[in-house]
């Protein structure tokens, strides 16, 4: 594992390379500065499932909500 001084030096090197136009270094820096948002759990109001027809209805509700962009 890198020491604190080495970690700082490596971080600065990546920043410098990103600023000089190195696309890989830029992507690395941006992933740390502004990471992609994580998926959030989605809730659906579903009927109580007692049989296969209830499961089919629930699946239909999920597909409908997804197609409408609801979460």
N, C-alpha and C. Protein backbone atom coordinates (compact mmCIF):
# COMPACT_ATOMS: atom_id res chain seq x y z
N UNK A 1 0.85 -1.18 0.00
CA UNK A 1 0.00 0.00 0.00
C UNK A 1 0.89 1.24 0.00
N UNK A 2 0.48 2.27 -0.72
CA UNK A 2 1.27 3.49 -0.84
C UNK A 2 1.20 4.29 0.46
N UNK A 3 2.32 4.95 0.77
CA UNK A 3 2.32 5.83 1.94
C UNK A 3 1.53 7.09 1.60
N UNK A 4 1.27 7.90 2.62
CA UNK A 4 0.51 9.14 2.40
C UNK A 4 1.20 10.03 1.38
N UNK A 5 2.52 10.15 1.50
CA UNK A 5 3.27 10.98 0.56
C UNK A 5 3.20 10.44 -0.86
N UNK A 6 3.29 9.12 -0.99
CA UNK A 6 3.21 8.51 -2.32
C UNK A 6 1.81 8.68 -2.90
N UNK A 7 0.79 8.52 -2.06
CA UNK A 7 -0.58 8.67 -2.53
C UNK A 7 -0.82 10.09 -3.03
N UNK A 8 -0.31 11.07 -2.30
CA UNK A 8 -0.46 12.47 -2.72
C UNK A 8 0.28 12.72 -4.04
N UNK A 9 1.47 12.15 -4.17
CA UNK A 9 2.25 12.32 -5.40
C UNK A 9 1.53 11.68 -6.59
N UNK A 10 0.99 10.49 -6.38
CA UNK A 10 0.26 9.81 -7.46
C UNK A 10 -1.00 10.57 -7.84
N UNK A 11 -1.69 11.09 -6.84
CA UNK A 11 -2.89 11.88 -7.10
C UNK A 11 -2.55 13.11 -7.92
N UNK A 12 -1.50 13.82 -7.53
CA UNK A 12 -1.09 15.02 -8.25
C UNK A 12 -0.66 14.67 -9.68
N UNK A 13 0.02 13.54 -9.84
CA UNK A 13 0.45 13.10 -11.18
C UNK A 13 -0.77 12.86 -12.07
N UNK A 14 -1.79 12.19 -11.53
CA UNK A 14 -3.01 11.93 -12.30
C UNK A 14 -3.70 13.24 -12.68
N UNK A 15 -3.76 14.18 -11.74
CA UNK A 15 -4.37 15.48 -12.02
C UNK A 15 -3.60 16.20 -13.11
N UNK A 16 -2.28 16.22 -12.99
CA UNK A 16 -1.46 16.90 -14.00
C UNK A 16 -1.65 16.28 -15.38
N UNK A 17 -1.68 14.96 -15.44
CA UNK A 17 -1.87 14.29 -16.73
C UNK A 17 -3.26 14.60 -17.30
N UNK A 18 -4.26 14.64 -16.43
CA UNK A 18 -5.61 14.97 -16.89
C UNK A 18 -5.64 16.38 -17.46
N UNK A 19 -4.99 17.31 -16.78
CA UNK A 19 -4.97 18.70 -17.24
C UNK A 19 -4.18 18.86 -18.54
N UNK A 20 -3.27 17.92 -18.80
CA UNK A 20 -2.49 17.95 -20.05
C UNK A 20 -3.21 17.24 -21.19
N UNK A 21 -4.40 16.71 -20.92
CA UNK A 21 -5.19 16.11 -21.99
C UNK A 21 -5.20 14.59 -22.02
N UNK A 22 -4.64 13.94 -21.03
CA UNK A 22 -4.65 12.48 -20.98
C UNK A 22 -6.07 12.02 -20.63
N UNK A 23 -6.75 11.42 -21.61
CA UNK A 23 -8.15 11.05 -21.43
C UNK A 23 -8.36 10.01 -20.33
N UNK A 24 -7.45 9.08 -20.20
CA UNK A 24 -7.59 8.06 -19.15
C UNK A 24 -7.45 8.69 -17.78
N UNK A 25 -6.45 9.56 -17.62
CA UNK A 25 -6.28 10.25 -16.34
C UNK A 25 -7.48 11.15 -16.05
N UNK A 26 -8.00 11.80 -17.08
CA UNK A 26 -9.17 12.66 -16.90
C UNK A 26 -10.37 11.85 -16.43
N UNK A 27 -10.58 10.70 -17.06
CA UNK A 27 -11.70 9.86 -16.65
C UNK A 27 -11.52 9.39 -15.21
N UNK A 28 -10.31 8.98 -14.86
CA UNK A 28 -10.02 8.55 -13.50
C UNK A 28 -10.34 9.66 -12.49
N UNK A 29 -9.89 10.87 -12.78
CA UNK A 29 -10.14 12.00 -11.88
C UNK A 29 -11.64 12.30 -11.78
N UNK A 30 -12.32 12.33 -12.92
CA UNK A 30 -13.74 12.65 -12.91
C UNK A 30 -14.56 11.59 -12.19
N UNK A 31 -14.16 10.32 -12.30
CA UNK A 31 -14.88 9.27 -11.59
C UNK A 31 -14.77 9.45 -10.09
N UNK A 32 -13.68 10.07 -9.63
CA UNK A 32 -13.51 10.31 -8.19
C UNK A 32 -14.20 11.60 -7.76
N UNK A 33 -14.18 12.61 -8.63
CA UNK A 33 -14.77 13.91 -8.29
C UNK A 33 -16.29 13.87 -8.38
N UNK A 34 -16.80 13.29 -9.45
CA UNK A 34 -18.25 13.25 -9.69
C UNK A 34 -18.64 11.85 -10.13
N UNK A 35 -18.69 10.90 -9.19
CA UNK A 35 -19.03 9.52 -9.57
C UNK A 35 -20.45 9.41 -10.11
N UNK A 36 -20.65 8.42 -10.96
CA UNK A 36 -21.99 8.17 -11.50
C UNK A 36 -22.92 7.83 -10.34
N UNK A 37 -24.16 8.31 -10.41
CA UNK A 37 -25.09 8.01 -9.31
C UNK A 37 -25.37 6.52 -9.22
N UNK A 38 -25.55 6.07 -8.03
CA UNK A 38 -25.88 4.66 -7.79
C UNK A 38 -27.38 4.46 -8.00
N UNK A 39 -27.75 3.26 -8.39
CA UNK A 39 -29.16 2.95 -8.55
C UNK A 39 -29.85 3.03 -7.19
N UNK A 40 -31.08 3.46 -7.21
CA UNK A 40 -31.88 3.55 -6.00
C UNK A 40 -32.94 2.45 -6.02
N UNK A 41 -33.32 1.96 -4.84
CA UNK A 41 -34.39 0.96 -4.80
C UNK A 41 -35.69 1.56 -5.35
N UNK A 42 -36.48 0.73 -5.93
CA UNK A 42 -37.76 1.15 -6.50
C UNK A 42 -38.87 0.42 -5.76
N UNK A 43 -39.93 1.15 -5.42
CA UNK A 43 -41.07 0.55 -4.72
C UNK A 43 -42.29 0.53 -5.63
N UNK A 44 -43.04 -0.53 -5.56
CA UNK A 44 -44.28 -0.67 -6.31
C UNK A 44 -45.37 -1.11 -5.35
N UNK A 45 -46.56 -0.58 -5.55
CA UNK A 45 -47.72 -1.09 -4.82
C UNK A 45 -48.24 -2.29 -5.59
N UNK A 46 -48.09 -3.44 -5.00
CA UNK A 46 -48.48 -4.68 -5.67
C UNK A 46 -49.58 -5.38 -4.88
N UNK A 47 -50.42 -6.12 -5.57
CA UNK A 47 -51.47 -6.86 -4.87
C UNK A 47 -50.87 -8.03 -4.09
N UNK A 48 -51.61 -8.47 -3.09
CA UNK A 48 -51.21 -9.68 -2.38
C UNK A 48 -51.28 -10.83 -3.38
N UNK A 49 -50.26 -11.66 -3.38
CA UNK A 49 -50.21 -12.74 -4.36
C UNK A 49 -50.60 -14.06 -3.73
N UNK A 50 -51.74 -14.56 -4.18
CA UNK A 50 -52.26 -15.84 -3.70
C UNK A 50 -52.20 -16.92 -4.75
N UNK A 51 -52.06 -16.49 -6.02
CA UNK A 51 -52.04 -17.48 -7.10
C UNK A 51 -51.29 -16.91 -8.30
N UNK A 52 -51.21 -17.69 -9.36
CA UNK A 52 -50.45 -17.29 -10.54
C UNK A 52 -51.05 -16.06 -11.22
N UNK A 53 -52.37 -15.91 -11.17
CA UNK A 53 -53.00 -14.73 -11.78
C UNK A 53 -52.58 -13.46 -11.05
N UNK A 54 -52.45 -13.53 -9.72
CA UNK A 54 -52.00 -12.37 -8.95
C UNK A 54 -50.57 -12.00 -9.34
N UNK A 55 -49.72 -13.02 -9.53
CA UNK A 55 -48.34 -12.77 -9.94
C UNK A 55 -48.29 -12.14 -11.32
N UNK A 56 -49.16 -12.58 -12.20
CA UNK A 56 -49.22 -12.01 -13.54
C UNK A 56 -49.65 -10.55 -13.48
N UNK A 57 -50.63 -10.24 -12.65
CA UNK A 57 -51.09 -8.85 -12.49
C UNK A 57 -49.97 -7.99 -11.92
N UNK A 58 -49.25 -8.52 -10.95
CA UNK A 58 -48.14 -7.76 -10.36
C UNK A 58 -47.07 -7.47 -11.40
N UNK A 59 -46.72 -8.46 -12.21
CA UNK A 59 -45.72 -8.26 -13.25
C UNK A 59 -46.19 -7.21 -14.25
N UNK A 60 -47.46 -7.22 -14.57
CA UNK A 60 -48.02 -6.21 -15.47
C UNK A 60 -47.90 -4.81 -14.90
N UNK A 61 -48.14 -4.67 -13.60
CA UNK A 61 -48.01 -3.35 -12.96
C UNK A 61 -46.56 -2.86 -12.99
N UNK A 62 -45.64 -3.77 -12.75
CA UNK A 62 -44.22 -3.40 -12.79
C UNK A 62 -43.85 -2.95 -14.20
N UNK A 63 -44.22 -3.70 -15.21
CA UNK A 63 -43.91 -3.33 -16.59
C UNK A 63 -44.54 -1.99 -16.97
N UNK A 64 -45.77 -1.76 -16.53
CA UNK A 64 -46.44 -0.50 -16.81
C UNK A 64 -45.69 0.67 -16.17
N UNK A 65 -45.30 0.51 -14.91
CA UNK A 65 -44.58 1.58 -14.22
C UNK A 65 -43.23 1.85 -14.89
N UNK A 66 -42.53 0.80 -15.28
CA UNK A 66 -41.23 0.97 -15.93
C UNK A 66 -41.41 1.68 -17.27
N UNK A 67 -42.41 1.30 -18.03
CA UNK A 67 -42.62 1.91 -19.34
C UNK A 67 -43.01 3.38 -19.23
N UNK A 68 -43.58 3.76 -18.09
CA UNK A 68 -43.95 5.17 -17.86
C UNK A 68 -42.81 5.94 -17.20
N UNK A 69 -41.73 5.25 -16.89
CA UNK A 69 -40.59 5.91 -16.27
C UNK A 69 -40.77 6.18 -14.79
N UNK A 70 -41.71 5.51 -14.16
CA UNK A 70 -41.95 5.72 -12.74
C UNK A 70 -40.96 4.93 -11.92
N UNK A 71 -40.67 5.46 -10.76
CA UNK A 71 -39.80 4.72 -9.84
C UNK A 71 -40.38 4.77 -8.45
